[in-house]
mmCIF file of all heavy atoms, coordinates in Angstrom:
data_MODEL
# 
_entry.id   MODEL 
# 
loop_
_atom_site.group_PDB 
_atom_site.id 
_atom_site.type_symbol 
_atom_site.label_atom_id 
_atom_site.label_alt_id 
_atom_site.label_comp_id 
_atom_site.label_asym_id 
_atom_site.label_entity_id 
_atom_site.label_seq_id 
_atom_site.pdbx_PDB_ins_code 
_atom_site.Cartn_x 
_atom_site.Cartn_y 
_atom_site.Cartn_z 
_atom_site.occupancy 
_atom_site.B_iso_or_equiv 
_atom_site.pdbx_formal_charge 
_atom_site.auth_seq_id 
_atom_site.auth_comp_id 
_atom_site.auth_asym_id 
_atom_site.auth_atom_id 
_atom_site.pdbx_PDB_model_num 
ATOM 1   N N   . GLN A 1 1  ? 0.830  -1.229 0.008  1.00 0.00 ? 1  GLN A N   1 
ATOM 2   C CA  . GLN A 1 1  ? -0.009 -0.011 0.001  1.00 0.00 ? 1  GLN A CA  1 
ATOM 3   C C   . GLN A 1 1  ? 0.860  1.239  0.002  1.00 0.00 ? 1  GLN A C   1 
ATOM 4   O O   . GLN A 1 1  ? 0.569  2.221  -0.703 1.00 0.00 ? 1  GLN A O   1 
ATOM 5   C CB  . GLN A 1 1  ? -0.930 0.027  1.204  1.00 0.00 ? 1  GLN A CB  1 
ATOM 6   C CG  . GLN A 1 1  ? -1.803 1.251  1.259  1.00 0.00 ? 1  GLN A CG  1 
ATOM 7   C CD  . GLN A 1 1  ? -2.855 1.172  2.328  1.00 0.00 ? 1  GLN A CD  1 
ATOM 8   O OE1 . GLN A 1 1  ? -3.581 0.174  2.433  1.00 0.00 ? 1  GLN A OE1 1 
ATOM 9   N NE2 . GLN A 1 1  ? -2.981 2.237  3.129  1.00 0.00 ? 1  GLN A NE2 1 
ATOM 10  N N   . PHE A 1 2  ? 1.925  1.264  0.774  1.00 0.00 ? 2  PHE A N   1 
ATOM 11  C CA  . PHE A 1 2  ? 2.820  2.423  0.818  1.00 0.00 ? 2  PHE A CA  1 
ATOM 12  C C   . PHE A 1 2  ? 3.347  2.756  -0.574 1.00 0.00 ? 2  PHE A C   1 
ATOM 13  O O   . PHE A 1 2  ? 3.293  3.889  -1.027 1.00 0.00 ? 2  PHE A O   1 
ATOM 14  C CB  . PHE A 1 2  ? 3.995  2.162  1.791  1.00 0.00 ? 2  PHE A CB  1 
ATOM 15  C CG  . PHE A 1 2  ? 5.064  3.215  1.695  1.00 0.00 ? 2  PHE A CG  1 
ATOM 16  C CD1 . PHE A 1 2  ? 4.872  4.480  2.253  1.00 0.00 ? 2  PHE A CD1 1 
ATOM 17  C CD2 . PHE A 1 2  ? 6.247  2.967  1.046  1.00 0.00 ? 2  PHE A CD2 1 
ATOM 18  C CE1 . PHE A 1 2  ? 5.847  5.467  2.153  1.00 0.00 ? 2  PHE A CE1 1 
ATOM 19  C CE2 . PHE A 1 2  ? 7.233  3.940  0.934  1.00 0.00 ? 2  PHE A CE2 1 
ATOM 20  C CZ  . PHE A 1 2  ? 7.031  5.189  1.512  1.00 0.00 ? 2  PHE A CZ  1 
ATOM 21  N N   . PHE A 1 3  ? 3.879  1.750  -1.269 1.00 0.00 ? 3  PHE A N   1 
ATOM 22  C CA  . PHE A 1 3  ? 4.435  1.992  -2.599 1.00 0.00 ? 3  PHE A CA  1 
ATOM 23  C C   . PHE A 1 3  ? 3.363  2.285  -3.643 1.00 0.00 ? 3  PHE A C   1 
ATOM 24  O O   . PHE A 1 3  ? 3.583  3.094  -4.526 1.00 0.00 ? 3  PHE A O   1 
ATOM 25  C CB  . PHE A 1 3  ? 5.291  0.802  -3.062 1.00 0.00 ? 3  PHE A CB  1 
ATOM 26  C CG  . PHE A 1 3  ? 6.579  0.625  -2.292 1.00 0.00 ? 3  PHE A CG  1 
ATOM 27  C CD1 . PHE A 1 3  ? 6.854  -0.553 -1.642 1.00 0.00 ? 3  PHE A CD1 1 
ATOM 28  C CD2 . PHE A 1 3  ? 7.521  1.650  -2.239 1.00 0.00 ? 3  PHE A CD2 1 
ATOM 29  C CE1 . PHE A 1 3  ? 8.060  -0.715 -0.962 1.00 0.00 ? 3  PHE A CE1 1 
ATOM 30  C CE2 . PHE A 1 3  ? 8.712  1.489  -1.575 1.00 0.00 ? 3  PHE A CE2 1 
ATOM 31  C CZ  . PHE A 1 3  ? 8.982  0.294  -0.922 1.00 0.00 ? 3  PHE A CZ  1 
ATOM 32  N N   . TRP A 1 4  ? 2.209  1.652  -3.518 1.00 0.00 ? 4  TRP A N   1 
ATOM 33  C CA  . TRP A 1 4  ? 1.153  1.813  -4.521 1.00 0.00 ? 4  TRP A CA  1 
ATOM 34  C C   . TRP A 1 4  ? 0.555  3.213  -4.475 1.00 0.00 ? 4  TRP A C   1 
ATOM 35  O O   . TRP A 1 4  ? 0.262  3.806  -5.498 1.00 0.00 ? 4  TRP A O   1 
ATOM 36  C CB  . TRP A 1 4  ? 0.067  0.736  -4.290 1.00 0.00 ? 4  TRP A CB  1 
ATOM 37  C CG  . TRP A 1 4  ? -0.962 0.763  -5.368 1.00 0.00 ? 4  TRP A CG  1 
ATOM 38  C CD1 . TRP A 1 4  ? -2.178 1.401  -5.369 1.00 0.00 ? 4  TRP A CD1 1 
ATOM 39  C CD2 . TRP A 1 4  ? -0.865 0.119  -6.634 1.00 0.00 ? 4  TRP A CD2 1 
ATOM 40  N NE1 . TRP A 1 4  ? -2.841 1.158  -6.555 1.00 0.00 ? 4  TRP A NE1 1 
ATOM 41  C CE2 . TRP A 1 4  ? -2.047 0.372  -7.348 1.00 0.00 ? 4  TRP A CE2 1 
ATOM 42  C CE3 . TRP A 1 4  ? 0.102  -0.699 -7.236 1.00 0.00 ? 4  TRP A CE3 1 
ATOM 43  C CZ2 . TRP A 1 4  ? -2.292 -0.122 -8.616 1.00 0.00 ? 4  TRP A CZ2 1 
ATOM 44  C CZ3 . TRP A 1 4  ? -0.131 -1.216 -8.508 1.00 0.00 ? 4  TRP A CZ3 1 
ATOM 45  C CH2 . TRP A 1 4  ? -1.329 -0.907 -9.189 1.00 0.00 ? 4  TRP A CH2 1 
ATOM 46  N N   . ASN A 1 5  ? 0.377  3.718  -3.269 1.00 0.00 ? 5  ASN A N   1 
ATOM 47  C CA  . ASN A 1 5  ? -0.262 5.035  -3.102 1.00 0.00 ? 5  ASN A CA  1 
ATOM 48  C C   . ASN A 1 5  ? 0.715  6.167  -3.341 1.00 0.00 ? 5  ASN A C   1 
ATOM 49  O O   . ASN A 1 5  ? 1.904  5.934  -3.539 1.00 0.00 ? 5  ASN A O   1 
ATOM 50  C CB  . ASN A 1 5  ? -0.872 5.149  -1.721 1.00 0.00 ? 5  ASN A CB  1 
ATOM 51  C CG  . ASN A 1 5  ? -2.097 4.257  -1.552 1.00 0.00 ? 5  ASN A CG  1 
ATOM 52  O OD1 . ASN A 1 5  ? -2.718 3.846  -2.526 1.00 0.00 ? 5  ASN A OD1 1 
ATOM 53  N ND2 . ASN A 1 5  ? -2.455 3.953  -0.305 1.00 0.00 ? 5  ASN A ND2 1 
ATOM 54  N N   . SER A 1 6  ? 0.216  7.376  -3.311 1.00 0.00 ? 6  SER A N   1 
ATOM 55  C CA  . SER A 1 6  ? 1.071  8.563  -3.538 1.00 0.00 ? 6  SER A CA  1 
ATOM 56  C C   . SER A 1 6  ? 2.186  8.671  -2.515 1.00 0.00 ? 6  SER A C   1 
ATOM 57  O O   . SER A 1 6  ? 3.189  9.330  -2.771 1.00 0.00 ? 6  SER A O   1 
ATOM 58  C CB  . SER A 1 6  ? 0.227  9.842  -3.576 1.00 0.00 ? 6  SER A CB  1 
ATOM 59  O OG  . SER A 1 6  ? -0.447 10.019 -2.335 1.00 0.00 ? 6  SER A OG  1 
ATOM 60  N N   . SER A 1 7  ? 2.024  8.021  -1.379 1.00 0.00 ? 7  SER A N   1 
ATOM 61  C CA  . SER A 1 7  ? 3.114  8.030  -0.369 1.00 0.00 ? 7  SER A CA  1 
ATOM 62  C C   . SER A 1 7  ? 4.417  7.506  -0.943 1.00 0.00 ? 7  SER A C   1 
ATOM 63  O O   . SER A 1 7  ? 5.492  7.959  -0.561 1.00 0.00 ? 7  SER A O   1 
ATOM 64  C CB  . SER A 1 7  ? 2.692  7.208  0.857  1.00 0.00 ? 7  SER A CB  1 
ATOM 65  O OG  . SER A 1 7  ? 2.237  5.913  0.470  1.00 0.00 ? 7  SER A OG  1 
ATOM 66  N N   . GLY A 1 8  ? 4.327  6.593  -1.866 1.00 0.00 ? 8  GLY A N   1 
ATOM 67  C CA  . GLY A 1 8  ? 5.505  6.021  -2.529 1.00 0.00 ? 8  GLY A CA  1 
ATOM 68  C C   . GLY A 1 8  ? 6.293  7.035  -3.361 1.00 0.00 ? 8  GLY A C   1 
ATOM 69  O O   . GLY A 1 8  ? 7.442  6.790  -3.666 1.00 0.00 ? 8  GLY A O   1 
ATOM 70  N N   . ASP A 1 9  ? 5.632  8.151  -3.694 1.00 0.00 ? 9  ASP A N   1 
ATOM 71  C CA  . ASP A 1 9  ? 6.319  9.204  -4.458 1.00 0.00 ? 9  ASP A CA  1 
ATOM 72  C C   . ASP A 1 9  ? 7.513  9.737  -3.680 1.00 0.00 ? 9  ASP A C   1 
ATOM 73  O O   . ASP A 1 9  ? 8.451  10.300 -4.261 1.00 0.00 ? 9  ASP A O   1 
ATOM 74  C CB  . ASP A 1 9  ? 5.389  10.390 -4.739 1.00 0.00 ? 9  ASP A CB  1 
ATOM 75  C CG  . ASP A 1 9  ? 4.187  10.042 -5.592 1.00 0.00 ? 9  ASP A CG  1 
ATOM 76  O OD1 . ASP A 1 9  ? 4.063  8.906  -6.085 1.00 0.00 ? 9  ASP A OD1 1 
ATOM 77  O OD2 . ASP A 1 9  ? 3.324  10.930 -5.756 1.00 0.00 ? 9  ASP A OD2 1 
ATOM 78  N N   . ARG A 1 10 ? 7.448  9.619  -2.384 1.00 0.00 ? 10 ARG A N   1 
ATOM 79  C CA  . ARG A 1 10 ? 8.465  10.214 -1.504 1.00 0.00 ? 10 ARG A CA  1 
ATOM 80  C C   . ARG A 1 10 ? 9.224  9.137  -0.722 1.00 0.00 ? 10 ARG A C   1 
ATOM 81  O O   . ARG A 1 10 ? 9.580  9.333  0.413  1.00 0.00 ? 10 ARG A O   1 
ATOM 82  C CB  . ARG A 1 10 ? 7.803  11.204 -0.561 1.00 0.00 ? 10 ARG A CB  1 
ATOM 83  C CG  . ARG A 1 10 ? 7.105  12.298 -1.355 1.00 0.00 ? 10 ARG A CG  1 
ATOM 84  C CD  . ARG A 1 10 ? 6.564  13.408 -0.525 1.00 0.00 ? 10 ARG A CD  1 
ATOM 85  N NE  . ARG A 1 10 ? 6.949  14.624 -1.215 1.00 0.00 ? 10 ARG A NE  1 
ATOM 86  C CZ  . ARG A 1 10 ? 7.336  15.720 -0.612 1.00 0.00 ? 10 ARG A CZ  1 
ATOM 87  N NH1 . ARG A 1 10 ? 7.414  15.772 0.679  1.00 0.00 ? 10 ARG A NH1 1 
ATOM 88  N NH2 . ARG A 1 10 ? 7.667  16.767 -1.324 1.00 0.00 ? 10 ARG A NH2 1 
ATOM 89  N N   . THR A 1 11 ? 9.466  8.039  -1.371 1.00 0.00 ? 11 THR A N   1 
ATOM 90  C CA  . THR A 1 11 ? 10.123 6.924  -0.696 1.00 0.00 ? 11 THR A CA  1 
ATOM 91  C C   . THR A 1 11 ? 11.492 7.315  -0.161 1.00 0.00 ? 11 THR A C   1 
ATOM 92  O O   . THR A 1 11 ? 11.836 7.035  0.993  1.00 0.00 ? 11 THR A O   1 
ATOM 93  C CB  . THR A 1 11 ? 10.226 5.685  -1.624 1.00 0.00 ? 11 THR A CB  1 
ATOM 94  O OG1 . THR A 1 11 ? 8.922  5.297  -2.008 1.00 0.00 ? 11 THR A OG1 1 
ATOM 95  C CG2 . THR A 1 11 ? 10.943 4.537  -0.952 1.00 0.00 ? 11 THR A CG2 1 
ATOM 96  N N   . GLN A 1 12 ? 12.325 7.950  -0.987 1.00 0.00 ? 12 GLN A N   1 
ATOM 97  C CA  . GLN A 1 12 ? 13.693 8.314  -0.539 1.00 0.00 ? 12 GLN A CA  1 
ATOM 98  C C   . GLN A 1 12 ? 13.624 9.303  0.591  1.00 0.00 ? 12 GLN A C   1 
ATOM 99  O O   . GLN A 1 12 ? 14.390 9.203  1.548  1.00 0.00 ? 12 GLN A O   1 
ATOM 100 C CB  . GLN A 1 12 ? 14.484 8.863  -1.709 1.00 0.00 ? 12 GLN A CB  1 
ATOM 101 C CG  . GLN A 1 12 ? 15.967 9.105  -1.356 1.00 0.00 ? 12 GLN A CG  1 
ATOM 102 C CD  . GLN A 1 12 ? 16.671 7.852  -0.852 1.00 0.00 ? 12 GLN A CD  1 
ATOM 103 O OE1 . GLN A 1 12 ? 16.658 6.824  -1.530 1.00 0.00 ? 12 GLN A OE1 1 
ATOM 104 N NE2 . GLN A 1 12 ? 17.293 7.925  0.297  1.00 0.00 ? 12 GLN A NE2 1 
ATOM 105 N N   . ILE A 1 13 ? 12.757 10.270 0.525  1.00 0.00 ? 13 ILE A N   1 
ATOM 106 C CA  . ILE A 1 13 ? 12.630 11.240 1.603  1.00 0.00 ? 13 ILE A CA  1 
ATOM 107 C C   . ILE A 1 13 ? 12.149 10.561 2.875  1.00 0.00 ? 13 ILE A C   1 
ATOM 108 O O   . ILE A 1 13 ? 12.591 10.891 3.975  1.00 0.00 ? 13 ILE A O   1 
ATOM 109 C CB  . ILE A 1 13 ? 11.694 12.402 1.194  1.00 0.00 ? 13 ILE A CB  1 
ATOM 110 C CG1 . ILE A 1 13 ? 12.284 13.166 0.022  1.00 0.00 ? 13 ILE A CG1 1 
ATOM 111 C CG2 . ILE A 1 13 ? 11.413 13.342 2.381  1.00 0.00 ? 13 ILE A CG2 1 
ATOM 112 C CD1 . ILE A 1 13 ? 11.341 14.167 -0.628 1.00 0.00 ? 13 ILE A CD1 1 
ATOM 113 N N   . THR A 1 14 ? 11.248 9.604  2.720  1.00 0.00 ? 14 THR A N   1 
ATOM 114 C CA  . THR A 1 14 ? 10.785 8.830  3.874  1.00 0.00 ? 14 THR A CA  1 
ATOM 115 C C   . THR A 1 14 ? 11.941 8.065  4.507  1.00 0.00 ? 14 THR A C   1 
ATOM 116 O O   . THR A 1 14 ? 12.109 8.090  5.738  1.00 0.00 ? 14 THR A O   1 
ATOM 117 C CB  . THR A 1 14 ? 9.631  7.893  3.483  1.00 0.00 ? 14 THR A CB  1 
ATOM 118 O OG1 . THR A 1 14 ? 8.579  8.657  2.907  1.00 0.00 ? 14 THR A OG1 1 
ATOM 119 C CG2 . THR A 1 14 ? 9.149  7.078  4.674  1.00 0.00 ? 14 THR A CG2 1 
ATOM 120 N N   . LEU A 1 15 ? 12.759 7.443  3.679  1.00 0.00 ? 15 LEU A N   1 
ATOM 121 C CA  . LEU A 1 15 ? 13.930 6.706  4.180  1.00 0.00 ? 15 LEU A CA  1 
ATOM 122 C C   . LEU A 1 15 ? 14.857 7.683  4.922  1.00 0.00 ? 15 LEU A C   1 
ATOM 123 O O   . LEU A 1 15 ? 15.323 7.378  6.032  1.00 0.00 ? 15 LEU A O   1 
ATOM 124 C CB  . LEU A 1 15 ? 14.662 6.021  3.041  1.00 0.00 ? 15 LEU A CB  1 
ATOM 125 C CG  . LEU A 1 15 ? 15.902 5.231  3.425  1.00 0.00 ? 15 LEU A CG  1 
ATOM 126 C CD1 . LEU A 1 15 ? 15.566 4.085  4.337  1.00 0.00 ? 15 LEU A CD1 1 
ATOM 127 C CD2 . LEU A 1 15 ? 16.568 4.717  2.131  1.00 0.00 ? 15 LEU A CD2 1 
ATOM 128 N N   . ASP A 1 16 ? 15.115 8.836  4.316  1.00 0.00 ? 16 ASP A N   1 
ATOM 129 C CA  . ASP A 1 16 ? 15.973 9.847  4.986  1.00 0.00 ? 16 ASP A CA  1 
ATOM 130 C C   . ASP A 1 16 ? 15.353 10.282 6.303  1.00 0.00 ? 16 ASP A C   1 
ATOM 131 O O   . ASP A 1 16 ? 16.058 10.503 7.279  1.00 0.00 ? 16 ASP A O   1 
ATOM 132 C CB  . ASP A 1 16 ? 16.159 11.042 4.077  1.00 0.00 ? 16 ASP A CB  1 
ATOM 133 C CG  . ASP A 1 16 ? 16.930 10.706 2.781  1.00 0.00 ? 16 ASP A CG  1 
ATOM 134 O OD1 . ASP A 1 16 ? 17.606 9.653  2.712  1.00 0.00 ? 16 ASP A OD1 1 
ATOM 135 O OD2 . ASP A 1 16 ? 16.867 11.521 1.848  1.00 0.00 ? 16 ASP A OD2 1 
ATOM 136 N N   . GLY A 1 17 ? 14.032 10.470 6.294  1.00 0.00 ? 17 GLY A N   1 
ATOM 137 C CA  . GLY A 1 17 ? 13.340 10.864 7.524  1.00 0.00 ? 17 GLY A CA  1 
ATOM 138 C C   . GLY A 1 17 ? 13.428 9.844  8.624  1.00 0.00 ? 17 GLY A C   1 
ATOM 139 O O   . GLY A 1 17 ? 13.642 10.171 9.800  1.00 0.00 ? 17 GLY A O   1 
ATOM 140 N N   . LEU A 1 18 ? 13.295 8.576  8.257  1.00 0.00 ? 18 LEU A N   1 
ATOM 141 C CA  . LEU A 1 18 ? 13.431 7.502  9.250  1.00 0.00 ? 18 LEU A CA  1 
ATOM 142 C C   . LEU A 1 18 ? 14.813 7.519  9.862  1.00 0.00 ? 18 LEU A C   1 
ATOM 143 O O   . LEU A 1 18 ? 14.975 7.381  11.087 1.00 0.00 ? 18 LEU A O   1 
ATOM 144 C CB  . LEU A 1 18 ? 13.131 6.146  8.610  1.00 0.00 ? 18 LEU A CB  1 
ATOM 145 C CG  . LEU A 1 18 ? 11.666 5.879  8.254  1.00 0.00 ? 18 LEU A CG  1 
ATOM 146 C CD1 . LEU A 1 18 ? 11.549 4.649  7.355  1.00 0.00 ? 18 LEU A CD1 1 
ATOM 147 C CD2 . LEU A 1 18 ? 10.841 5.683  9.521  1.00 0.00 ? 18 LEU A CD2 1 
ATOM 148 N N   . ARG A 1 19 ? 15.839 7.679  9.026  1.00 0.00 ? 19 ARG A N   1 
ATOM 149 C CA  . ARG A 1 19 ? 17.220 7.762  9.518  1.00 0.00 ? 19 ARG A CA  1 
ATOM 150 C C   . ARG A 1 19 ? 17.386 8.998  10.416 1.00 0.00 ? 19 ARG A C   1 
ATOM 151 O O   . ARG A 1 19 ? 18.008 8.934  11.463 1.00 0.00 ? 19 ARG A O   1 
ATOM 152 C CB  . ARG A 1 19 ? 18.206 7.798  8.387  1.00 0.00 ? 19 ARG A CB  1 
ATOM 153 C CG  . ARG A 1 19 ? 18.200 6.544  7.549  1.00 0.00 ? 19 ARG A CG  1 
ATOM 154 C CD  . ARG A 1 19 ? 19.281 5.581  7.926  1.00 0.00 ? 19 ARG A CD  1 
ATOM 155 N NE  . ARG A 1 19 ? 19.342 4.478  6.972  1.00 0.00 ? 19 ARG A NE  1 
ATOM 156 C CZ  . ARG A 1 19 ? 19.193 3.224  7.314  1.00 0.00 ? 19 ARG A CZ  1 
ATOM 157 N NH1 . ARG A 1 19 ? 18.997 2.887  8.569  1.00 0.00 ? 19 ARG A NH1 1 
ATOM 158 N NH2 . ARG A 1 19 ? 19.245 2.276  6.378  1.00 0.00 ? 19 ARG A NH2 1 
ATOM 159 N N   . ALA A 1 20 ? 16.823 10.125 10.009 1.00 0.00 ? 20 ALA A N   1 
ATOM 160 C CA  . ALA A 1 20 ? 16.971 11.377 10.771 1.00 0.00 ? 20 ALA A CA  1 
ATOM 161 C C   . ALA A 1 20 ? 16.403 11.262 12.163 1.00 0.00 ? 20 ALA A C   1 
ATOM 162 O O   . ALA A 1 20 ? 16.984 11.800 13.114 1.00 0.00 ? 20 ALA A O   1 
ATOM 163 C CB  . ALA A 1 20 ? 16.326 12.532 10.010 1.00 0.00 ? 20 ALA A CB  1 
ATOM 164 N N   . ILE A 1 21 ? 15.251 10.589 12.306 1.00 0.00 ? 21 ILE A N   1 
ATOM 165 C CA  . ILE A 1 21 ? 14.657 10.495 13.647 1.00 0.00 ? 21 ILE A CA  1 
ATOM 166 C C   . ILE A 1 21 ? 15.225 9.351  14.479 1.00 0.00 ? 21 ILE A C   1 
ATOM 167 O O   . ILE A 1 21 ? 14.886 9.199  15.630 1.00 0.00 ? 21 ILE A O   1 
ATOM 168 C CB  . ILE A 1 21 ? 13.112 10.388 13.573 1.00 0.00 ? 21 ILE A CB  1 
ATOM 169 C CG1 . ILE A 1 21 ? 12.665 9.040  12.990 1.00 0.00 ? 21 ILE A CG1 1 
ATOM 170 C CG2 . ILE A 1 21 ? 12.503 11.562 12.813 1.00 0.00 ? 21 ILE A CG2 1 
ATOM 171 C CD1 . ILE A 1 21 ? 11.170 8.763  13.150 1.00 0.00 ? 21 ILE A CD1 1 
ATOM 172 N N   . GLY A 1 22 ? 16.099 8.555  13.874 1.00 0.00 ? 22 GLY A N   1 
ATOM 173 C CA  . GLY A 1 22 ? 16.738 7.453  14.608 1.00 0.00 ? 22 GLY A CA  1 
ATOM 174 C C   . GLY A 1 22 ? 16.005 6.139  14.496 1.00 0.00 ? 22 GLY A C   1 
ATOM 175 O O   . GLY A 1 22 ? 16.238 5.254  15.320 1.00 0.00 ? 22 GLY A O   1 
ATOM 176 N N   . ALA A 1 23 ? 15.110 5.996  13.531 1.00 0.00 ? 23 ALA A N   1 
ATOM 177 C CA  . ALA A 1 23 ? 14.369 4.738  13.336 1.00 0.00 ? 23 ALA A CA  1 
ATOM 178 C C   . ALA A 1 23 ? 15.152 3.853  12.366 1.00 0.00 ? 23 ALA A C   1 
ATOM 179 O O   . ALA A 1 23 ? 14.662 3.489  11.288 1.00 0.00 ? 23 ALA A O   1 
ATOM 180 C CB  . ALA A 1 23 ? 12.979 5.055  12.804 1.00 0.00 ? 23 ALA A CB  1 
ATOM 181 N N   . ASP A 1 24 ? 16.336 3.447  12.767 1.00 0.00 ? 24 ASP A N   1 
ATOM 182 C CA  . ASP A 1 24 ? 17.228 2.722  11.883 1.00 0.00 ? 24 ASP A CA  1 
ATOM 183 C C   . ASP A 1 24 ? 16.721 1.329  11.520 1.00 0.00 ? 24 ASP A C   1 
ATOM 184 O O   . ASP A 1 24 ? 16.920 0.876  10.367 1.00 0.00 ? 24 ASP A O   1 
ATOM 185 C CB  . ASP A 1 24 ? 18.630 2.619  12.481 1.00 0.00 ? 24 ASP A CB  1 
ATOM 186 C CG  . ASP A 1 24 ? 19.302 3.992  12.588 1.00 0.00 ? 24 ASP A CG  1 
ATOM 187 O OD1 . ASP A 1 24 ? 19.062 4.823  11.695 1.00 0.00 ? 24 ASP A OD1 1 
ATOM 188 O OD2 . ASP A 1 24 ? 20.046 4.224  13.544 1.00 0.00 ? 24 ASP A OD2 1 
ATOM 189 N N   . LYS A 1 25 ? 16.066 0.636  12.435 1.00 0.00 ? 25 LYS A N   1 
ATOM 190 C CA  . LYS A 1 25 ? 15.560 -0.690 12.133 1.00 0.00 ? 25 LYS A CA  1 
ATOM 191 C C   . LYS A 1 25 ? 14.413 -0.591 11.094 1.00 0.00 ? 25 LYS A C   1 
ATOM 192 O O   . LYS A 1 25 ? 14.352 -1.398 10.180 1.00 0.00 ? 25 LYS A O   1 
ATOM 193 C CB  . LYS A 1 25 ? 15.080 -1.382 13.399 1.00 0.00 ? 25 LYS A CB  1 
ATOM 194 C CG  . LYS A 1 25 ? 16.266 -1.727 14.314 1.00 0.00 ? 25 LYS A CG  1 
ATOM 195 C CD  . LYS A 1 25 ? 15.817 -2.396 15.592 1.00 0.00 ? 25 LYS A CD  1 
ATOM 196 C CE  . LYS A 1 25 ? 17.075 -2.650 16.389 1.00 0.00 ? 25 LYS A CE  1 
ATOM 197 N NZ  . LYS A 1 25 ? 16.831 -3.183 17.700 1.00 0.00 ? 25 LYS A NZ  1 
ATOM 198 N N   . THR A 1 26 ? 13.572 0.399  11.257 1.00 0.00 ? 26 THR A N   1 
ATOM 199 C CA  . THR A 1 26 ? 12.493 0.590  10.299 1.00 0.00 ? 26 THR A CA  1 
ATOM 200 C C   . THR A 1 26 ? 13.061 1.044  8.964  1.00 0.00 ? 26 THR A C   1 
ATOM 201 O O   . THR A 1 26 ? 12.580 0.607  7.895  1.00 0.00 ? 26 THR A O   1 
ATOM 202 C CB  . THR A 1 26 ? 11.462 1.603  10.845 1.00 0.00 ? 26 THR A CB  1 
ATOM 203 O OG1 . THR A 1 26 ? 11.012 1.135  12.129 1.00 0.00 ? 26 THR A OG1 1 
ATOM 204 C CG2 . THR A 1 26 ? 10.289 1.744  9.908  1.00 0.00 ? 26 THR A CG2 1 
ATOM 205 N N   . ALA A 1 27 ? 14.066 1.888  8.981  1.00 0.00 ? 27 ALA A N   1 
ATOM 206 C CA  . ALA A 1 27 ? 14.712 2.329  7.750  1.00 0.00 ? 27 ALA A CA  1 
ATOM 207 C C   . ALA A 1 27 ? 15.316 1.135  7.011  1.00 0.00 ? 27 ALA A C   1 
ATOM 208 O O   . ALA A 1 27 ? 15.208 1.049  5.784  1.00 0.00 ? 27 ALA A O   1 
ATOM 209 C CB  . ALA A 1 27 ? 15.793 3.374  8.034  1.00 0.00 ? 27 ALA A CB  1 
ATOM 210 N N   . ASP A 1 28 ? 15.891 0.203  7.745  1.00 0.00 ? 28 ASP A N   1 
ATOM 211 C CA  . ASP A 1 28 ? 16.436 -0.998 7.124  1.00 0.00 ? 28 ASP A CA  1 
ATOM 212 C C   . ASP A 1 28 ? 15.338 -1.858 6.469  1.00 0.00 ? 28 ASP A C   1 
ATOM 213 O O   . ASP A 1 28 ? 15.558 -2.433 5.405  1.00 0.00 ? 28 ASP A O   1 
ATOM 214 C CB  . ASP A 1 28 ? 17.220 -1.843 8.132  1.00 0.00 ? 28 ASP A CB  1 
ATOM 215 C CG  . ASP A 1 28 ? 18.535 -1.182 8.586  1.00 0.00 ? 28 ASP A CG  1 
ATOM 216 O OD1 . ASP A 1 28 ? 18.988 -0.243 7.906  1.00 0.00 ? 28 ASP A OD1 1 
ATOM 217 O OD2 . ASP A 1 28 ? 19.063 -1.592 9.646  1.00 0.00 ? 28 ASP A OD2 1 
ATOM 218 N N   . LEU A 1 29 ? 14.172 -1.909 7.123  1.00 0.00 ? 29 LEU A N   1 
ATOM 219 C CA  . LEU A 1 29 ? 13.031 -2.634 6.526  1.00 0.00 ? 29 LEU A CA  1 
ATOM 220 C C   . LEU A 1 29 ? 12.612 -1.983 5.215  1.00 0.00 ? 29 LEU A C   1 
ATOM 221 O O   . LEU A 1 29 ? 12.377 -2.650 4.220  1.00 0.00 ? 29 LEU A O   1 
ATOM 222 C CB  . LEU A 1 29 ? 11.871 -2.678 7.499  1.00 0.00 ? 29 LEU A CB  1 
ATOM 223 C CG  . LEU A 1 29 ? 12.041 -3.543 8.743  1.00 0.00 ? 29 LEU A CG  1 
ATOM 224 C CD1 . LEU A 1 29 ? 10.818 -3.385 9.644  1.00 0.00 ? 29 LEU A CD1 1 
ATOM 225 C CD2 . LEU A 1 29 ? 12.260 -4.995 8.402  1.00 0.00 ? 29 LEU A CD2 1 
ATOM 226 N N   . LEU A 1 30 ? 12.526 -0.654 5.241  1.00 0.00 ? 30 LEU A N   1 
ATOM 227 C CA  . LEU A 1 30 ? 12.124 0.073  4.018  1.00 0.00 ? 30 LEU A CA  1 
ATOM 228 C C   . LEU A 1 30 ? 13.166 -0.148 2.935  1.00 0.00 ? 30 LEU A C   1 
ATOM 229 O O   . LEU A 1 30 ? 12.821 -0.398 1.772  1.00 0.00 ? 30 LEU A O   1 
ATOM 230 C CB  . LEU A 1 30 ? 11.965 1.570  4.305  1.00 0.00 ? 30 LEU A CB  1 
ATOM 231 C CG  . LEU A 1 30 ? 11.646 2.452  3.108  1.00 0.00 ? 30 LEU A CG  1 
ATOM 232 C CD1 . LEU A 1 30 ? 10.415 1.952  2.327  1.00 0.00 ? 30 LEU A CD1 1 
ATOM 233 C CD2 . LEU A 1 30 ? 11.442 3.905  3.543  1.00 0.00 ? 30 LEU A CD2 1 
ATOM 234 N N   . LYS A 1 31 ? 14.445 -0.075 3.299  1.00 0.00 ? 31 LYS A N   1 
ATOM 235 C CA  . LYS A 1 31 ? 15.509 -0.307 2.312  1.00 0.00 ? 31 LYS A CA  1 
ATOM 236 C C   . LYS A 1 31 ? 15.393 -1.729 1.713  1.00 0.00 ? 31 LYS A C   1 
ATOM 237 O O   . LYS A 1 31 ? 15.557 -1.889 0.506  1.00 0.00 ? 31 LYS A O   1 
ATOM 238 C CB  . LYS A 1 31 ? 16.860 -0.099 3.001  1.00 0.00 ? 31 LYS A CB  1 
ATOM 239 C CG  . LYS A 1 31 ? 18.023 -0.040 2.039  1.00 0.00 ? 31 LYS A CG  1 
ATOM 240 C CD  . LYS A 1 31 ? 18.021 1.276  1.303  1.00 0.00 ? 31 LYS A CD  1 
ATOM 241 C CE  . LYS A 1 31 ? 19.279 1.357  0.452  1.00 0.00 ? 31 LYS A CE  1 
ATOM 242 N NZ  . LYS A 1 31 ? 19.186 2.357  -0.567 1.00 0.00 ? 31 LYS A NZ  1 
ATOM 243 N N   . SER A 1 32 ? 15.059 -2.707 2.519  1.00 0.00 ? 32 SER A N   1 
ATOM 244 C CA  . SER A 1 32 ? 14.871 -4.068 2.016  1.00 0.00 ? 32 SER A CA  1 
ATOM 245 C C   . SER A 1 32 ? 13.682 -4.152 1.085  1.00 0.00 ? 32 SER A C   1 
ATOM 246 O O   . SER A 1 32 ? 13.723 -4.853 0.076  1.00 0.00 ? 32 SER A O   1 
ATOM 247 C CB  . SER A 1 32 ? 14.696 -5.042 3.181  1.00 0.00 ? 32 SER A CB  1 
ATOM 248 O OG  . SER A 1 32 ? 15.858 -5.140 3.968  1.00 0.00 ? 32 SER A OG  1 
# 
């Protein structure tokens, strides 16, 4: 759903945001 919807337009920014807030485990899931 994340990728299918418009939210997926900002995948890289979301990944950067996860790293910025310290959500490294979730960022790793997104990267996978």
